[in-house]
Amino acid sequence: MLNQKKWYESKAVWGGIISVASIAGGAFGYTVSEGDQEQLATAFAGAGATFGAVLSIVGRIKATHSIGR
């Protein structure tokens, strides 16, 4: 695979997490529709990608060593 991404950028991973959370929520009387689950997965994947990008930039700014070749 040449186009790899971080786990938190994956809609499949977030979909799984949200599905498990929805099942657990159902045990306590909360319900989340399948459409809402899909939208949440998309939102969390986007937020994860944004978080990763910001973390990379902040890490580079705070770094004390230069980048080698």
PDB file of N, CA and C in Angstrom:
ATOM      1  N   MET A   1       0.830  -1.181   0.000  1.00  0.00           N
ATOM      2  CA  MET A   1       0.000   0.000   0.000  1.00  0.00           C
ATOM      3  C   MET A   1       0.874   1.245   0.000  1.00  0.00           C
ATOM      4  N   LEU A   2       0.762   2.036  -1.001  1.00  0.00           N
ATOM      5  CA  LEU A   2       1.545   3.256  -1.080  1.00  0.00           C
ATOM      6  C   LEU A   2       0.856   4.418  -0.381  1.00  0.00           C
ATOM      7  N   ASN A   3      -0.442   4.446  -0.429  1.00  0.00           N
ATOM      8  CA  ASN A   3      -1.198   5.549   0.171  1.00  0.00           C
ATOM      9  C   ASN A   3      -1.703   5.148   1.543  1.00  0.00           C
ATOM     10  N   GLN A   4      -0.815   5.160   2.518  1.00  0.00           N
ATOM     11  CA  GLN A   4      -1.207   4.799   3.874  1.00  0.00           C
ATOM     12  C   GLN A   4      -1.666   6.042   4.618  1.00  0.00           C
ATOM     13  N   LYS A   5      -2.537   5.822   5.595  1.00  0.00           N
ATOM     14  CA  LYS A   5      -2.993   6.912   6.435  1.00  0.00           C
ATOM     15  C   LYS A   5      -2.972   6.452   7.873  1.00  0.00           C
ATOM     16  N   LYS A   6      -3.034   7.402   8.757  1.00  0.00           N
ATOM     17  CA  LYS A   6      -3.043   7.095  10.187  1.00  0.00           C
ATOM     18  C   LYS A   6      -4.384   6.462  10.557  1.00  0.00           C
ATOM     19  N   TRP A   7      -4.400   5.710  11.658  1.00  0.00           N
ATOM     20  CA  TRP A   7      -5.623   5.017  12.060  1.00  0.00           C
ATOM     21  C   TRP A   7      -6.760   5.987  12.304  1.00  0.00           C
ATOM     22  N   TYR A   8      -6.444   7.172  12.844  1.00  0.00           N
ATOM     23  CA  TYR A   8      -7.494   8.130  13.191  1.00  0.00           C
ATOM     24  C   TYR A   8      -8.051   8.865  11.973  1.00  0.00           C
ATOM     25  N   GLU A   9      -7.478   8.641  10.795  1.00  0.00           N
ATOM     26  CA  GLU A   9      -7.999   9.222   9.563  1.00  0.00           C
ATOM     27  C   GLU A   9      -8.945   8.263   8.839  1.00  0.00           C
ATOM     28  N   SER A  10      -9.105   7.072   9.361  1.00  0.00           N
ATOM     29  CA  SER A  10      -9.892   6.036   8.715  1.00  0.00           C
ATOM     30  C   SER A  10     -11.368   6.089   9.122  1.00  0.00           C
ATOM     31  N   LYS A  11     -12.236   6.216   8.123  1.00  0.00           N
ATOM     32  CA  LYS A  11     -13.681   6.180   8.395  1.00  0.00           C
ATOM     33  C   LYS A  11     -14.088   4.804   8.898  1.00  0.00           C
ATOM     34  N   ALA A  12     -13.409   3.765   8.421  1.00  0.00           N
ATOM     35  CA  ALA A  12     -13.743   2.408   8.866  1.00  0.00           C
ATOM     36  C   ALA A  12     -13.471   2.233  10.354  1.00  0.00           C
ATOM     37  N   VAL A  13     -12.346   2.743  10.817  1.00  0.00           N
ATOM     38  CA  VAL A  13     -12.019   2.646  12.245  1.00  0.00           C
ATOM     39  C   VAL A  13     -13.032   3.427  13.067  1.00  0.00           C
ATOM     40  N   TRP A  14     -13.307   4.677  12.664  1.00  0.00           N
ATOM     41  CA  TRP A  14     -14.269   5.486  13.402  1.00  0.00           C
ATOM     42  C   TRP A  14     -15.666   4.888  13.325  1.00  0.00           C
ATOM     43  N   GLY A  15     -16.002   4.314  12.182  1.00  0.00           N
ATOM     44  CA  GLY A  15     -17.304   3.652  12.061  1.00  0.00           C
ATOM     45  C   GLY A  15     -17.444   2.516  13.058  1.00  0.00           C
ATOM     46  N   GLY A  16     -16.367   1.740  13.206  1.00  0.00           N
ATOM     47  CA  GLY A  16     -16.375   0.652  14.182  1.00  0.00           C
ATOM     48  C   GLY A  16     -16.492   1.145  15.607  1.00  0.00           C
ATOM     49  N   ILE A  17     -15.734   2.168  15.926  1.00  0.00           N
ATOM     50  CA  ILE A  17     -15.788   2.751  17.277  1.00  0.00           C
ATOM     51  C   ILE A  17     -17.183   3.293  17.569  1.00  0.00           C
ATOM     52  N   ILE A  18     -17.749   4.007  16.598  1.00  0.00           N
ATOM     53  CA  ILE A  18     -19.074   4.586  16.791  1.00  0.00           C
ATOM     54  C   ILE A  18     -20.137   3.503  16.881  1.00  0.00           C
ATOM     55  N   SER A  19     -19.980   2.428  16.104  1.00  0.00           N
ATOM     56  CA  SER A  19     -20.936   1.318  16.181  1.00  0.00           C
ATOM     57  C   SER A  19     -20.923   0.678  17.561  1.00  0.00           C
ATOM     58  N   VAL A  20     -19.731   0.435  18.082  1.00  0.00           N
ATOM     59  CA  VAL A  20     -19.621  -0.151  19.421  1.00  0.00           C
ATOM     60  C   VAL A  20     -20.213   0.797  20.463  1.00  0.00           C
ATOM     61  N   ALA A  21     -19.906   2.103  20.311  1.00  0.00           N
ATOM     62  CA  ALA A  21     -20.464   3.084  21.251  1.00  0.00           C
ATOM     63  C   ALA A  21     -21.985   3.140  21.145  1.00  0.00           C
ATOM     64  N   SER A  22     -22.516   2.994  19.931  1.00  0.00           N
ATOM     65  CA  SER A  22     -23.966   3.008  19.739  1.00  0.00           C
ATOM     66  C   SER A  22     -24.622   1.792  20.392  1.00  0.00           C
ATOM     67  N   ILE A  23     -23.976   0.658  20.267  1.00  0.00           N
ATOM     68  CA  ILE A  23     -24.499  -0.564  20.901  1.00  0.00           C
ATOM     69  C   ILE A  23     -24.486  -0.396  22.426  1.00  0.00           C
ATOM     70  N   ALA A  24     -23.371   0.124  22.940  1.00  0.00           N
ATOM     71  CA  ALA A  24     -23.276   0.353  24.385  1.00  0.00           C
ATOM     72  C   ALA A  24     -24.306   1.382  24.827  1.00  0.00           C
ATOM     73  N   GLY A  25     -24.475   2.435  24.026  1.00  0.00           N
ATOM     74  CA  GLY A  25     -25.478   3.452  24.349  1.00  0.00           C
ATOM     75  C   GLY A  25     -26.880   2.885  24.353  1.00  0.00           C
ATOM     76  N   GLY A  26     -27.144   1.955  23.430  1.00  0.00           N
ATOM     77  CA  GLY A  26     -28.450   1.304  23.376  1.00  0.00           C
ATOM     78  C   GLY A  26     -28.782   0.567  24.661  1.00  0.00           C
ATOM     79  N   ALA A  27     -27.764   0.037  25.307  1.00  0.00           N
ATOM     80  CA  ALA A  27     -27.979  -0.656  26.576  1.00  0.00           C
ATOM     81  C   ALA A  27     -28.438   0.315  27.666  1.00  0.00           C
ATOM     82  N   PHE A  28     -28.150   1.602  27.476  1.00  0.00           N
ATOM     83  CA  PHE A  28     -28.553   2.618  28.444  1.00  0.00           C
ATOM     84  C   PHE A  28     -29.704   3.485  27.955  1.00  0.00           C
ATOM     85  N   GLY A  29     -30.339   3.055  26.854  1.00  0.00           N
ATOM     86  CA  GLY A  29     -31.520   3.751  26.366  1.00  0.00           C
ATOM     87  C   GLY A  29     -31.277   4.805  25.302  1.00  0.00           C
ATOM     88  N   TYR A  30     -30.048   4.959  24.841  1.00  0.00           N
ATOM     89  CA  TYR A  30     -29.741   5.927  23.788  1.00  0.00           C
ATOM     90  C   TYR A  30     -29.775   5.230  22.434  1.00  0.00           C
ATOM     91  N   THR A  31     -30.219   5.931  21.398  1.00  0.00           N
ATOM     92  CA  THR A  31     -30.218   5.361  20.056  1.00  0.00           C
ATOM     93  C   THR A  31     -29.551   6.333  19.079  1.00  0.00           C
ATOM     94  N   VAL A  32     -28.823   5.757  18.121  1.00  0.00           N
ATOM     95  CA  VAL A  32     -28.174   6.527  17.063  1.00  0.00           C
ATOM     96  C   VAL A  32     -28.501   5.826  15.751  1.00  0.00           C
ATOM     97  N   SER A  33     -29.102   6.559  14.824  1.00  0.00           N
ATOM     98  CA  SER A  33     -29.483   5.946  13.547  1.00  0.00           C
ATOM     99  C   SER A  33     -28.240   5.628  12.718  1.00  0.00           C
ATOM    100  N   GLU A  34     -28.398   4.761  11.710  1.00  0.00           N
ATOM    101  CA  GLU A  34     -27.275   4.406  10.849  1.00  0.00           C
ATOM    102  C   GLU A  34     -26.764   5.622  10.092  1.00  0.00           C
ATOM    103  N   GLY A  35     -27.667   6.493   9.662  1.00  0.00           N
ATOM    104  CA  GLY A  35     -27.256   7.713   8.963  1.00  0.00           C
ATOM    105  C   GLY A  35     -26.421   8.617   9.848  1.00  0.00           C
ATOM    106  N   ASP A  36     -26.830   8.731  11.112  1.00  0.00           N
ATOM    107  CA  ASP A  36     -26.069   9.540  12.064  1.00  0.00           C
ATOM    108  C   ASP A  36     -24.702   8.915  12.340  1.00  0.00           C
ATOM    109  N   GLN A  37     -24.650   7.581  12.390  1.00  0.00           N
ATOM    110  CA  GLN A  37     -23.378   6.898  12.608  1.00  0.00           C
ATOM    111  C   GLN A  37     -22.410   7.206  11.476  1.00  0.00           C
ATOM    112  N   GLU A  38     -22.906   7.204  10.243  1.00  0.00           N
ATOM    113  CA  GLU A  38     -22.055   7.492   9.085  1.00  0.00           C
ATOM    114  C   GLU A  38     -21.540   8.930   9.130  1.00  0.00           C
ATOM    115  N   GLN A  39     -22.421   9.862   9.482  1.00  0.00           N
ATOM    116  CA  GLN A  39     -22.008  11.269   9.574  1.00  0.00           C
ATOM    117  C   GLN A  39     -20.992  11.468  10.694  1.00  0.00           C
ATOM    118  N   LEU A  40     -21.189  10.790  11.809  1.00  0.00           N
ATOM    119  CA  LEU A  40     -20.234  10.900  12.912  1.00  0.00           C
ATOM    120  C   LEU A  40     -18.871  10.344  12.510  1.00  0.00           C
ATOM    121  N   ALA A  41     -18.855   9.210  11.805  1.00  0.00           N
ATOM    122  CA  ALA A  41     -17.595   8.614  11.358  1.00  0.00           C
ATOM    123  C   ALA A  41     -16.844   9.560  10.437  1.00  0.00           C
ATOM    124  N   THR A  42     -17.568  10.187   9.513  1.00  0.00           N
ATOM    125  CA  THR A  42     -16.949  11.152   8.600  1.00  0.00           C
ATOM    126  C   THR A  42     -16.392  12.345   9.370  1.00  0.00           C
ATOM    127  N   ALA A  43     -17.161  12.843  10.313  1.00  0.00           N
ATOM    128  CA  ALA A  43     -16.726  14.003  11.105  1.00  0.00           C
ATOM    129  C   ALA A  43     -15.495  13.667  11.945  1.00  0.00           C
ATOM    130  N   PHE A  44     -15.500  12.511  12.605  1.00  0.00           N
ATOM    131  CA  PHE A  44     -14.366  12.134  13.445  1.00  0.00           C
ATOM    132  C   PHE A  44     -13.116  11.861  12.615  1.00  0.00           C
ATOM    133  N   ALA A  45     -13.265  11.261  11.439  1.00  0.00           N
ATOM    134  CA  ALA A  45     -12.111  11.018  10.575  1.00  0.00           C
ATOM    135  C   ALA A  45     -11.497  12.340  10.130  1.00  0.00           C
ATOM    136  N   GLY A  46     -12.334  13.297   9.785  1.00  0.00           N
ATOM    137  CA  GLY A  46     -11.841  14.623   9.408  1.00  0.00           C
ATOM    138  C   GLY A  46     -11.172  15.328  10.566  1.00  0.00           C
ATOM    139  N   ALA A  47     -11.773  15.232  11.734  1.00  0.00           N
ATOM    140  CA  ALA A  47     -11.193  15.853  12.925  1.00  0.00           C
ATOM    141  C   ALA A  47      -9.859  15.191  13.280  1.00  0.00           C
ATOM    142  N   GLY A  48      -9.791  13.881  13.118  1.00  0.00           N
ATOM    143  CA  GLY A  48      -8.537  13.166  13.395  1.00  0.00           C
ATOM    144  C   GLY A  48      -7.431  13.593  12.455  1.00  0.00           C
ATOM    145  N   ALA A  49      -7.765  13.751  11.178  1.00  0.00           N
ATOM    146  CA  ALA A  49      -6.771  14.190  10.196  1.00  0.00           C
ATOM    147  C   ALA A  49      -6.300  15.607  10.520  1.00  0.00           C
ATOM    148  N   THR A  50      -7.223  16.470  10.901  1.00  0.00           N
ATOM    149  CA  THR A  50      -6.871  17.846  11.260  1.00  0.00           C
ATOM    150  C   THR A  50      -5.981  17.866  12.502  1.00  0.00           C
ATOM    151  N   PHE A  51      -6.328  17.068  13.488  1.00  0.00           N
ATOM    152  CA  PHE A  51      -5.530  16.978  14.713  1.00  0.00           C
ATOM    153  C   PHE A  51      -4.116  16.505  14.392  1.00  0.00           C
ATOM    154  N   GLY A  52      -4.001  15.499  13.543  1.00  0.00           N
ATOM    155  CA  GLY A  52      -2.690  14.986  13.161  1.00  0.00           C
ATOM    156  C   GLY A  52      -1.853  16.040  12.452  1.00  0.00           C
ATOM    157  N   ALA A  53      -2.475  16.807  11.571  1.00  0.00           N
ATOM    158  CA  ALA A  53      -1.761  17.861  10.850  1.00  0.00           C
ATOM    159  C   ALA A  53      -1.277  18.951  11.806  1.00  0.00           C
ATOM    160  N   VAL A  54      -2.144  19.377  12.704  1.00  0.00           N
ATOM    161  CA  VAL A  54      -1.774  20.411  13.680  1.00  0.00           C
ATOM    162  C   VAL A  54      -0.653  19.906  14.586  1.00  0.00           C
ATOM    163  N   LEU A  55      -0.761  18.662  15.023  1.00  0.00           N
ATOM    164  CA  LEU A  55       0.261  18.081  15.886  1.00  0.00           C
ATOM    165  C   LEU A  55       1.611  18.026  15.171  1.00  0.00           C
ATOM    166  N   SER A  56       1.614  17.710  13.881  1.00  0.00           N
ATOM    167  CA  SER A  56       2.852  17.680  13.097  1.00  0.00           C
ATOM    168  C   SER A  56       3.483  19.064  13.014  1.00  0.00           C
ATOM    169  N   ILE A  57       2.673  20.067  12.765  1.00  0.00           N
ATOM    170  CA  ILE A  57       3.180  21.435  12.641  1.00  0.00           C
ATOM    171  C   ILE A  57       3.729  21.921  13.982  1.00  0.00           C
ATOM    172  N   VAL A  58       2.975  21.699  15.053  1.00  0.00           N
ATOM    173  CA  VAL A  58       3.429  22.126  16.381  1.00  0.00           C
ATOM    174  C   VAL A  58       4.710  21.394  16.758  1.00  0.00           C
ATOM    175  N   GLY A  59       4.771  20.112  16.456  1.00  0.00           N
ATOM    176  CA  GLY A  59       5.970  19.332  16.743  1.00  0.00           C
ATOM    177  C   GLY A  59       7.185  19.868  16.020  1.00  0.00           C
ATOM    178  N   ARG A  60       7.011  20.248  14.762  1.00  0.00           N
ATOM    179  CA  ARG A  60       8.136  20.798  13.983  1.00  0.00           C
ATOM    180  C   ARG A  60       8.559  22.154  14.536  1.00  0.00           C
ATOM    181  N   ILE A  61       7.621  22.972  14.949  1.00  0.00           N
ATOM    182  CA  ILE A  61       7.949  24.291  15.499  1.00  0.00           C
ATOM    183  C   ILE A  61       8.710  24.147  16.817  1.00  0.00           C
ATOM    184  N   LYS A  62       8.297  23.210  17.645  1.00  0.00           N
ATOM    185  CA  LYS A  62       8.910  23.037  18.961  1.00  0.00           C
ATOM    186  C   LYS A  62      10.177  22.175  18.917  1.00  0.00           C
ATOM    187  N   ALA A  63      10.484  21.580  17.779  1.00  0.00           N
ATOM    188  CA  ALA A  63      11.636  20.692  17.667  1.00  0.00           C
ATOM    189  C   ALA A  63      12.936  21.446  17.950  1.00  0.00           C
ATOM    190  N   THR A  64      13.867  20.745  18.563  1.00  0.00           N
ATOM    191  CA  THR A  64      15.152  21.357  18.873  1.00  0.00           C
ATOM    192  C   THR A  64      16.256  20.913  17.930  1.00  0.00           C
ATOM    193  N   HIS A  65      15.972  19.969  17.038  1.00  0.00           N
ATOM    194  CA  HIS A  65      16.951  19.489  16.067  1.00  0.00           C
ATOM    195  C   HIS A  65      16.453  19.765  14.660  1.00  0.00           C
ATOM    196  N   SER A  66      17.381  19.974  13.751  1.00  0.00           N
ATOM    197  CA  SER A  66      16.990  20.210  12.357  1.00  0.00           C
ATOM    198  C   SER A  66      16.653  18.879  11.673  1.00  0.00           C
ATOM    199  N   ILE A  67      15.977  18.977  10.555  1.00  0.00           N
ATOM    200  CA  ILE A  67      15.613  17.804   9.779  1.00  0.00           C
ATOM    201  C   ILE A  67      16.793  17.440   8.891  1.00  0.00           C
ATOM    202  N   GLY A  68      17.202  16.183   8.938  1.00  0.00           N
ATOM    203  CA  GLY A  68      18.327  15.731   8.118  1.00  0.00           C
ATOM    204  C   GLY A  68      17.887  15.321   6.729  1.00  0.00           C
ATOM    205  N   ARG A  69      18.842  14.991   5.889  1.00  0.00           N
ATOM    206  CA  ARG A  69      18.530  14.589   4.520  1.00  0.00           C
ATOM    207  C   ARG A  69      18.140  13.186   4.476  1.00  0.00           C
TER     208      ARG A  69
END
